Amino acid sequence: MRRTFCQAAHDERSFLEAGTAWAIYAALAAAAQCGCDVVLVPFVSGGLYAGPWRGAPGLLASFVRNIDAMLLEGVMPDGTAVPPLGGCFRKVCVVVLPNRDGGQEESQPDASPSAKAEQAAKRALEKASDRPRRQTNEK
């Protein structure tokens, strides 16, 4: 299987992460506009599309941190301020599928110190996103 190639994402991890975050923000904004209050977010650009960054330490943790920042603080990885969307959802869950070998795309939980940080980031995101949806005056 081939992936779409982007030289900048291949050369610079921060470019890949920023592009991924903007794609997720667009999806979350559309979900909020449609009235969704629970969202399953796939680990976008964590597998084939990650290119040379696939399996890089902290990639999943960074993905979760970026979602947390856009939901709660309204800040994108490049520093751009956006309307925070956290109040629009009851729950936002990041879904990570196992790779072909049966393991996760990143190290298993006990394999590296950053894995514990990744798990903590996932729990924090779920906890922060598990709050009541904001009320609107629309009919």
Foldseek 3Di string as FASTA:
>chain_A
DADDDDVVLQVDVLVVLLVVLVVVVVVLVVCLVVQAAEEEAELPCQDRNSHPCFQPPCSLLSNLVQLQCCQPPQAHSVGDRHPHNLLSHQFYAYDFDADPVRHTRYDDCVPDPSSVVSVVSRVVRGVSSNDHHDDDPDD
